Amino acid sequence: MSEKSAAGDVASTAAVRVATATATAAANGTWRRAGVAGAAIGVIAAGAAAGVAIERMTVGRGMRRRARLALDSSGPYGGLRGTPGKALADDGTELYYEIDDLDPETGTTAGTGTGNGSGPKAASAPRRRRLFGRRTPAPVTVVFSHGYCLNQDSWHFQRAALRGLVRTVHWDQRSHGRSARGVAQHGEGAVPVTIDQLGRDLKAVIDAAAPEGALVLVGHSMGGMTMMALADQFPELIRERVAGVVFVGTSCGKLGEVNYGLPVAGVNAVRRVLPGVLKALGSQADLVERGRRATADLFAGLIKRYSFSSKDVDPAVVRFAERLIEGTPIDVVAEFYPAFTDHDKAQALSVFLEIPALVLAGESDLVTPSSHSEAIADLLPDAELVLVPDAGHLVMLEHPEAVTDRLADLLARVGAVPADANVGRYGSSAQPGG
């Protein structure tokens, strides 16, 4: 039997097992609605299983588990920390952020730690001084907003490269990372999460962490949508303070039409049942989390398929992405998912028309296809559009140098960093000698 045929058999078996398990749960009365979704989930499972089938044939489960543990203990990613703070959203949710500031005395980053993956602190950033008792202008602040099922650490490489060059704020969206669970989403009178709510959350973070001075807004996926919602609700803030914007792998609408690389029949089946299935799964969060751990290989295949495109991604980076996504509880996944179908902020992009903009995406992104970035660029005709070859949804982790290079260029254009600033290769995923 050929490897290709064997891989197909493993994929089919995995799909059947997932569908059968879901149907069994329904038959036992655990999730009645989940039984309807068995076949649809099987389609997704088959795609993921095909991606790990050959590995399963050649690498034992115990060895794969030991490899994950080794990567967890040695991986340098996600260890960067800054000065912590909390902002209060309009519904009372505590939003966690960190600031990598420029020390006015030394001109270097004034964070609380660098972690294992940081580069050297830059010594070339100019000092801020007071002349004749007058206050110096506030520095430009770059605010990074992360995507769905991630947290602020997803910007690890860009954060490492920019430390000491510019003031940055990284924050965790509500119910993600170190931020609190959304208050409005729990208890009596609970309301669904909306992208508009996330826009107001970003406003709260800006008010707390960067109340004055020029801003550059950078958002990946849901983070870019959050920036659009901010512009829609607070256009005066954008016009008065925002010096530049960067949209990475995001969309201004029509996400309900994305096929995620699946056959049309399969994706239509998934789209019909997925909101109900996620809601049912979210109501059994403890059971689902145990199931996730038991099927770690299958979830790893899903994550790799929908996060990356290139075949030579650093395994430590892949494992880092797995940890970020695995860290998002299933009930949070369920809570946020419906908001994307309703997302439509094409008109809000007009607020950014006079602002230097970068629109960047992976050419092979299956989650927010590059055509969605092209649609944003069409509405911002003066924006720089960059489509990174052989890159998926987590392009800032997969090809960090490409993303950091274009981001640094925009920051130089708007005066946030010196034109001759050297972001170097520190914070790069490139292997030594590569």
Protein backbone atom coordinates (compact mmCIF):
# COMPACT_ATOMS: atom_id res chain seq x y z
CA MET A 1 0.00 0.00 0.00
CA SER A 2 1.36 3.46 -0.90
CA GLU A 3 1.94 6.16 1.74
CA LYS A 4 -0.74 8.27 0.07
CA SER A 5 -3.31 5.45 0.29
CA ALA A 6 -2.34 4.72 3.88
CA ALA A 7 -2.71 8.37 4.77
CA GLY A 8 -6.16 8.40 3.20
CA ASP A 9 -7.17 5.34 5.19
CA VAL A 10 -6.00 6.90 8.45
CA ALA A 11 -7.82 10.12 7.59
CA SER A 12 -11.04 8.28 6.81
CA THR A 13 -10.78 6.25 10.00
CA ALA A 14 -10.27 9.38 12.08
CA ALA A 15 -13.24 11.05 10.44
CA VAL A 16 -15.46 8.05 11.11
CA ARG A 17 -14.33 7.90 14.73
CA VAL A 18 -15.13 11.57 15.32
CA ALA A 19 -18.51 11.29 13.66
CA THR A 20 -19.28 8.04 15.52
CA ALA A 21 -18.26 9.51 18.86
CA THR A 22 -20.43 12.55 18.27
CA ALA A 23 -23.39 10.44 17.26
CA THR A 24 -22.89 8.19 20.31
CA ALA A 25 -22.91 11.20 22.59
CA ALA A 26 -26.15 12.30 21.00
CA ALA A 27 -27.66 8.84 21.40
CA ASN A 28 -26.75 8.90 25.07
CA GLY A 29 -28.58 12.19 25.40
CA THR A 30 -25.45 14.26 26.07
CA TRP A 31 -25.88 16.63 23.10
CA ARG A 32 -28.91 16.01 20.95
CA ARG A 33 -27.93 18.65 18.47
CA ALA A 34 -24.38 17.34 18.21
CA GLY A 35 -25.59 14.15 16.51
CA VAL A 36 -26.75 16.16 13.51
CA ALA A 37 -23.23 17.51 13.11
CA GLY A 38 -21.39 14.18 13.08
CA ALA A 39 -20.90 13.98 9.34
CA ALA A 40 -19.96 17.65 9.03
CA ILE A 41 -17.36 17.40 11.77
CA GLY A 42 -16.08 14.25 10.09
CA VAL A 43 -15.28 16.26 6.97
CA ILE A 44 -13.04 18.57 8.99
CA ALA A 45 -11.52 15.68 10.90
CA ALA A 46 -10.58 13.96 7.66
CA GLY A 47 -8.67 17.00 6.48
CA ALA A 48 -6.78 17.27 9.76
CA ALA A 49 -6.07 13.56 9.99
CA ALA A 50 -4.67 13.49 6.47
CA GLY A 51 -2.19 16.12 7.55
CA VAL A 52 -0.80 13.96 10.38
CA ALA A 53 -1.37 10.50 8.91
CA ILE A 54 2.16 9.81 7.68
CA GLU A 55 3.61 11.11 10.94
CA ARG A 56 1.38 8.70 12.84
CA MET A 57 2.66 5.80 10.72
CA THR A 58 6.29 6.63 11.47
CA VAL A 59 6.26 8.20 14.95
CA GLY A 60 4.74 6.56 18.00
CA ARG A 61 2.20 8.36 20.23
CA GLY A 62 4.54 8.26 23.22
CA MET A 63 7.35 9.79 21.19
CA ARG A 64 5.05 12.55 19.91
CA ARG A 65 3.97 13.30 23.48
CA ARG A 66 7.58 13.48 24.65
CA ALA A 67 8.41 15.76 21.72
CA ARG A 68 5.59 18.14 22.71
CA LEU A 69 6.81 18.24 26.30
CA ALA A 70 10.37 18.91 25.13
CA LEU A 71 9.20 21.75 22.90
CA ASP A 72 7.10 23.18 25.74
CA SER A 73 10.09 23.25 28.08
CA SER A 74 12.64 24.58 25.59
CA GLY A 75 10.60 26.75 23.24
CA PRO A 76 11.69 30.40 23.58
CA TYR A 77 8.46 31.88 22.32
CA GLY A 78 5.88 33.81 24.32
CA GLY A 79 8.22 34.74 27.18
CA LEU A 80 8.39 38.49 26.56
CA ARG A 81 6.81 40.56 29.32
CA GLY A 82 6.28 44.28 29.82
CA THR A 83 4.86 46.59 32.46
CA PRO A 84 1.39 45.19 33.27
CA GLY A 85 -1.83 47.15 33.56
CA LYS A 86 -5.58 46.71 33.50
CA ALA A 87 -8.27 48.66 31.70
CA LEU A 88 -11.95 48.51 32.56
CA ALA A 89 -14.37 47.86 29.70
CA ASP A 90 -17.76 49.56 29.64
CA ASP A 91 -19.42 46.44 31.06
CA GLY A 92 -16.88 46.10 33.87
CA THR A 93 -14.66 43.45 32.25
CA GLU A 94 -11.00 43.75 33.25
CA LEU A 95 -8.74 43.88 30.20
CA TYR A 96 -5.08 43.01 30.70
CA TYR A 97 -2.36 44.85 28.80
CA GLU A 98 1.40 45.25 28.91
CA ILE A 99 3.54 48.23 27.91
CA ASP A 100 7.04 48.07 26.48
CA ASP A 101 7.97 51.67 27.16
CA LEU A 102 10.93 53.83 26.26
CA ASP A 103 12.81 54.71 29.42
CA PRO A 104 13.24 58.53 29.30
CA GLU A 105 16.63 58.22 30.99
CA THR A 106 18.20 55.40 28.99
CA GLY A 107 16.27 55.34 25.75
CA THR A 108 15.70 51.59 26.10
CA THR A 109 12.70 49.42 26.77
CA ALA A 110 11.39 49.72 30.34
CA GLY A 111 9.57 46.43 30.69
CA THR A 112 9.57 43.98 33.58
CA GLY A 113 11.43 41.22 31.75
CA THR A 114 12.64 40.08 28.37
CA GLY A 115 12.03 36.34 28.49
CA ASN A 116 14.14 33.85 26.57
CA GLY A 117 13.24 35.03 23.10
CA SER A 118 14.03 38.73 23.18
CA GLY A 119 16.80 40.42 21.33
CA PRO A 120 19.21 43.01 22.65
CA LYS A 121 17.80 46.27 23.92
CA ALA A 122 18.36 49.05 21.45
CA ALA A 123 20.59 51.87 22.64
CA SER A 124 19.96 54.19 19.72
CA ALA A 125 16.47 55.40 20.65
CA PRO A 126 16.58 59.12 21.48
CA ARG A 127 16.19 60.26 25.06
CA ARG A 128 13.17 62.35 26.01
CA ARG A 129 14.16 65.40 28.01
CA ARG A 130 12.41 68.38 29.49
CA LEU A 131 13.58 71.79 28.34
CA PHE A 132 12.91 74.83 30.52
CA GLY A 133 10.31 72.90 32.48
CA ARG A 134 8.19 72.21 29.42
CA ARG A 135 6.75 68.76 28.93
CA THR A 136 8.07 66.76 26.00
CA PRO A 137 5.50 65.36 23.56
CA ALA A 138 4.22 61.86 24.25
CA PRO A 139 5.93 59.24 22.09
CA VAL A 140 4.15 57.34 19.35
CA THR A 141 2.52 54.19 20.75
CA VAL A 142 2.01 51.07 18.64
CA VAL A 143 -1.03 49.11 19.87
CA PHE A 144 -1.17 45.43 18.91
CA SER A 145 -4.51 43.57 18.87
CA HIS A 146 -4.47 39.77 18.53
CA GLY A 147 -6.82 37.36 16.81
CA TYR A 148 -9.48 34.81 17.79
CA CYS A 149 -8.32 32.03 20.13
CA LEU A 150 -4.90 33.67 20.55
CA ASN A 151 -3.44 36.20 22.98
CA GLN A 152 -0.93 39.04 22.96
CA ASP A 153 2.00 36.59 22.76
CA SER A 154 1.07 35.81 19.15
CA TRP A 155 3.03 38.99 18.30
CA HIS A 156 6.20 37.53 19.87
CA PHE A 157 8.56 38.13 16.93
CA GLN A 158 7.38 41.64 16.16
CA ARG A 159 7.52 42.53 19.86
CA ALA A 160 11.07 41.19 20.15
CA ALA A 161 12.22 43.11 17.08
CA LEU A 162 10.72 46.45 18.16
CA ARG A 163 11.72 46.46 21.83
CA GLY A 164 13.68 49.62 22.57
CA LEU A 165 12.78 51.24 19.25
CA VAL A 166 9.21 52.34 19.90
CA ARG A 167 6.63 52.34 22.72
CA THR A 168 4.25 49.40 22.31
CA VAL A 169 1.08 48.16 23.98
CA HIS A 170 0.02 44.52 23.77
CA TRP A 171 -3.34 43.50 25.21
CA ASP A 172 -5.49 40.40 25.59
CA GLN A 173 -9.01 40.58 24.19
CA ARG A 174 -11.80 39.84 26.66
CA SER A 175 -11.98 36.17 27.69
CA HIS A 176 -8.56 35.55 26.10
CA GLY A 177 -5.14 35.32 27.69
CA ARG A 178 -4.88 37.14 31.01
CA SER A 179 -7.99 39.28 30.51
CA ALA A 180 -11.10 38.44 32.51
CA ARG A 181 -14.10 36.63 31.10
CA GLY A 182 -16.57 39.01 29.53
CA VAL A 183 -18.94 40.24 32.23
CA ALA A 184 -21.74 40.91 29.74
CA GLN A 185 -21.53 37.33 28.49
CA HIS A 186 -22.38 35.70 31.81
CA GLY A 187 -25.19 35.64 34.34
CA GLU A 188 -28.72 36.89 33.93
CA GLY A 189 -29.27 39.06 30.88
CA ALA A 190 -26.10 37.74 29.21
CA VAL A 191 -25.56 39.16 25.72
CA PRO A 192 -23.47 37.70 22.87
CA VAL A 193 -20.04 39.05 22.11
CA THR A 194 -20.01 41.50 19.21
CA ILE A 195 -17.18 43.01 17.22
CA ASP A 196 -18.55 46.41 18.27
CA GLN A 197 -17.97 45.43 21.90
CA LEU A 198 -14.37 44.56 21.05
CA GLY A 199 -13.97 48.00 19.47
CA ARG A 200 -15.10 49.61 22.72
CA ASP A 201 -12.69 47.37 24.60
CA LEU A 202 -9.83 48.65 22.47
CA LYS A 203 -10.90 52.21 23.24
CA ALA A 204 -10.73 51.42 26.97
CA VAL A 205 -7.21 50.01 26.57
CA ILE A 206 -6.07 53.08 24.63
CA ASP A 207 -7.55 55.39 27.26
CA ALA A 208 -5.69 53.53 30.00
CA ALA A 209 -2.38 52.68 28.35
CA ALA A 210 -1.91 55.45 25.76
CA PRO A 211 -4.15 58.39 26.71
CA GLU A 212 -2.10 60.88 24.69
CA GLY A 213 0.22 60.98 21.72
CA ALA A 214 0.05 59.53 18.23
CA LEU A 215 -1.00 55.91 17.71
CA VAL A 216 -0.25 53.18 15.22
CA LEU A 217 -2.84 50.40 15.33
CA VAL A 218 -1.84 46.85 14.36
CA GLY A 219 -4.39 44.04 14.26
CA HIS A 220 -4.39 40.41 13.20
CA SER A 221 -7.62 38.69 12.14
CA MET A 222 -10.17 39.49 14.89
CA GLY A 223 -7.78 42.21 16.04
CA GLY A 224 -8.09 43.95 12.69
CA MET A 225 -11.87 43.70 12.92
CA THR A 226 -11.62 45.25 16.38
CA MET A 227 -9.77 48.22 14.86
CA MET A 228 -12.53 48.64 12.28
CA ALA A 229 -15.15 48.64 15.05
CA LEU A 230 -13.12 51.26 16.92
CA ALA A 231 -13.12 53.46 13.82
CA ASP A 232 -16.85 52.93 13.31
CA GLN A 233 -17.69 54.07 16.83
CA PHE A 234 -14.91 56.58 17.52
CA PRO A 235 -13.99 58.14 14.16
CA GLU A 236 -12.72 61.32 15.85
CA LEU A 237 -10.09 59.31 17.75
CA ILE A 238 -8.82 57.86 14.48
CA ARG A 239 -8.68 61.23 12.73
CA GLU A 240 -7.05 63.06 15.63
CA ARG A 241 -4.51 60.54 16.89
CA VAL A 242 -3.90 57.59 14.57
CA ALA A 243 -0.78 57.99 12.44
CA GLY A 244 -0.83 54.57 10.78
CA VAL A 245 -2.73 51.28 10.62
CA VAL A 246 -1.72 47.71 9.85
CA PHE A 247 -4.25 45.00 8.99
CA VAL A 248 -2.83 41.47 9.05
CA GLY A 249 -4.86 38.50 7.79
CA THR A 250 -8.20 40.12 8.51
CA SER A 251 -11.55 40.87 6.87
CA CYS A 252 -14.10 43.66 6.66
CA GLY A 253 -17.01 41.26 6.10
CA LYS A 254 -18.55 38.31 4.23
CA LEU A 255 -16.88 35.77 6.49
CA GLY A 256 -19.97 33.60 6.16
CA GLU A 257 -18.85 32.83 2.60
CA VAL A 258 -15.42 31.44 3.50
CA ASN A 259 -15.09 27.72 2.65
CA TYR A 260 -11.98 26.98 4.78
CA GLY A 261 -10.55 24.87 1.98
CA LEU A 262 -13.39 22.35 2.24
CA PRO A 263 -15.74 21.03 -0.47
CA VAL A 264 -18.82 23.22 -0.89
CA ALA A 265 -21.20 20.52 0.38
CA GLY A 266 -19.06 19.93 3.46
CA VAL A 267 -18.64 23.56 4.39
CA ASN A 268 -22.35 24.28 3.93
CA ALA A 269 -23.17 21.41 6.30
CA VAL A 270 -20.66 22.69 8.84
CA ARG A 271 -21.94 26.27 8.55
CA ARG A 272 -25.54 25.21 9.23
CA VAL A 273 -24.82 23.27 12.38
CA LEU A 274 -21.60 24.67 13.81
CA PRO A 275 -23.08 27.50 15.92
CA GLY A 276 -25.46 25.09 17.64
CA VAL A 277 -22.77 22.46 18.06
CA LEU A 278 -20.34 24.94 19.60
CA LYS A 279 -23.03 26.13 21.98
CA ALA A 280 -23.75 22.55 23.01
CA LEU A 281 -20.05 21.80 23.44
CA GLY A 282 -19.59 25.01 25.42
CA SER A 283 -22.23 23.85 27.88
CA GLN A 284 -20.11 20.75 28.55
CA ALA A 285 -16.76 22.53 28.73
CA ASP A 286 -15.07 20.17 31.21
CA LEU A 287 -15.97 17.08 29.18
CA VAL A 288 -14.85 18.70 25.94
CA GLU A 289 -11.51 19.81 27.41
CA ARG A 290 -10.82 16.24 28.48
CA GLY A 291 -11.66 15.12 24.96
CA ARG A 292 -9.29 17.69 23.50
CA ARG A 293 -6.44 16.33 25.57
CA ALA A 294 -7.29 12.77 24.57
CA THR A 295 -7.24 13.68 20.86
CA ALA A 296 -4.24 16.02 20.97
CA ASP A 297 -2.80 14.71 17.70
CA LEU A 298 -6.01 15.40 15.79
CA PHE A 299 -6.26 18.94 17.18
CA ALA A 300 -2.59 19.49 16.38
CA GLY A 301 -3.33 18.52 12.78
CA LEU A 302 -6.25 20.95 12.62
CA ILE A 303 -4.20 23.77 14.09
CA LYS A 304 -1.30 23.23 11.70
CA ARG A 305 -3.56 22.99 8.67
CA TYR A 306 -5.39 26.22 9.43
CA SER A 307 -2.46 28.20 10.82
CA PHE A 308 0.44 27.56 8.45
CA SER A 309 1.12 26.82 4.82
CA SER A 310 4.86 26.17 4.45
CA LYS A 311 6.23 22.72 5.19
CA ASP A 312 9.39 23.83 6.98
CA VAL A 313 7.92 25.86 9.86
CA ASP A 314 10.01 25.61 13.01
CA PRO A 315 8.39 22.82 15.11
CA ALA A 316 8.77 25.01 18.19
CA VAL A 317 6.71 27.73 16.46
CA VAL A 318 4.03 25.19 15.52
CA ARG A 319 3.90 23.95 19.11
CA PHE A 320 3.74 27.55 20.34
CA ALA A 321 0.69 28.16 18.14
CA GLU A 322 -0.90 24.97 19.48
CA ARG A 323 -0.43 26.17 23.05
CA LEU A 324 -1.96 29.55 22.28
CA ILE A 325 -5.04 28.02 20.68
CA GLU A 326 -5.37 25.18 23.19
CA GLY A 327 -5.39 27.82 25.93
CA THR A 328 -8.74 29.17 24.73
CA PRO A 329 -11.59 27.36 26.54
CA ILE A 330 -14.24 25.80 24.32
CA ASP A 331 -17.00 27.97 25.81
CA VAL A 332 -15.02 31.08 24.77
CA VAL A 333 -14.66 29.61 21.27
CA ALA A 334 -18.44 29.15 21.20
CA GLU A 335 -19.08 32.61 22.66
CA PHE A 336 -17.16 34.48 19.96
CA TYR A 337 -17.90 32.45 16.84
CA PRO A 338 -21.33 33.94 15.93
CA ALA A 339 -19.89 37.48 15.91
CA PHE A 340 -17.89 36.80 12.77
CA THR A 341 -20.91 35.98 10.64
CA ASP A 342 -22.41 39.37 11.56
CA HIS A 343 -19.16 41.29 11.01
CA ASP A 344 -19.51 43.94 8.29
CA LYS A 345 -17.27 46.98 8.62
CA ALA A 346 -16.52 47.84 5.00
CA GLN A 347 -17.98 51.33 5.42
CA ALA A 348 -15.93 51.97 8.55
CA LEU A 349 -12.73 51.66 6.52
CA SER A 350 -13.41 55.08 5.02
CA VAL A 351 -12.28 56.56 8.34
CA PHE A 352 -8.76 55.31 7.54
CA LEU A 353 -8.63 56.77 4.02
CA GLU A 354 -6.19 59.59 4.85
CA ILE A 355 -3.97 57.45 7.10
CA PRO A 356 -0.90 55.49 5.94
CA ALA A 357 -1.92 51.84 5.89
CA LEU A 358 -0.41 48.41 5.40
CA VAL A 359 -2.63 45.46 4.45
CA LEU A 360 -0.81 42.13 4.70
CA ALA A 361 -1.89 38.49 4.44
CA GLY A 362 -0.63 35.00 3.71
CA GLU A 363 -1.42 33.93 0.17
CA SER A 364 -2.63 30.53 1.41
CA ASP A 365 -4.70 31.71 4.37
CA LEU A 366 -7.70 29.38 4.73
CA VAL A 367 -9.34 31.29 7.60
CA THR A 368 -9.44 34.84 6.25
CA PRO A 369 -8.42 34.33 2.61
CA SER A 370 -6.08 36.82 0.99
CA SER A 371 -8.99 37.96 -1.20
CA HIS A 372 -10.41 39.60 1.93
CA SER A 373 -7.21 41.61 2.35
CA GLU A 374 -7.42 42.57 -1.30
CA ALA A 375 -10.98 43.80 -0.65
CA ILE A 376 -9.68 45.97 2.21
CA ALA A 377 -6.94 47.36 -0.04
CA ASP A 378 -9.53 48.18 -2.71
CA LEU A 379 -11.34 50.33 -0.12
CA LEU A 380 -8.03 51.91 0.97
CA PRO A 381 -6.46 52.59 -2.45
CA ASP A 382 -3.37 54.28 -1.00
CA ALA A 383 -2.58 51.35 1.29
CA GLU A 384 0.38 49.07 0.69
CA LEU A 385 -0.87 45.55 -0.07
CA VAL A 386 1.52 42.68 0.70
CA LEU A 387 0.60 39.03 0.05
CA VAL A 388 3.23 36.73 1.54
CA PRO A 389 3.87 33.57 -0.54
CA ASP A 390 3.64 30.17 1.11
CA ALA A 391 2.02 31.62 4.23
CA GLY A 392 -1.15 30.79 6.14
CA HIS A 393 -3.29 32.53 8.73
CA LEU A 394 -0.56 32.95 11.36
CA VAL A 395 1.72 34.72 8.91
CA MET A 396 3.37 36.80 11.67
CA LEU A 397 4.64 33.55 13.24
CA GLU A 398 5.27 31.65 10.01
CA HIS A 399 7.19 34.40 8.19
CA PRO A 400 8.00 36.90 10.95
CA GLU A 401 10.77 38.64 9.01
CA ALA A 402 8.40 39.55 6.17
CA VAL A 403 5.81 40.97 8.55
CA THR A 404 8.31 42.82 10.74
CA ASP A 405 10.09 44.31 7.72
CA ARG A 406 6.91 45.82 6.29
CA LEU A 407 5.72 46.95 9.74
CA ALA A 408 9.07 48.65 10.43
CA ASP A 409 8.87 50.39 7.06
CA LEU A 410 5.44 51.81 7.89
CA LEU A 411 6.64 52.91 11.35
CA ALA A 412 9.55 54.73 9.72
CA ARG A 413 7.23 56.39 7.18
CA VAL A 414 5.01 57.82 9.92
CA GLY A 415 7.95 58.90 12.09
CA ALA A 416 7.41 56.35 14.86
CA VAL A 417 10.98 55.02 14.50
CA PRO A 418 14.07 56.57 12.88
CA ALA A 419 14.34 55.89 9.17
CA ASP A 420 17.67 54.14 9.74
CA ALA A 421 16.42 52.05 12.68
CA ASN A 422 17.80 48.53 12.61
CA VAL A 423 15.26 45.94 13.70
CA GLY A 424 17.85 43.29 12.86
CA ARG A 425 17.08 39.58 12.80
CA TYR A 426 16.58 39.21 16.52
CA GLY A 427 13.12 37.90 17.16
CA SER A 428 13.51 35.83 13.99
CA SER A 429 12.39 32.23 13.65
CA ALA A 430 15.26 31.52 11.28
CA GLN A 431 17.49 28.68 12.37
CA PRO A 432 21.18 29.45 13.05
CA GLY A 433 23.01 29.71 9.78
CA GLY A 434 19.71 29.85 7.87
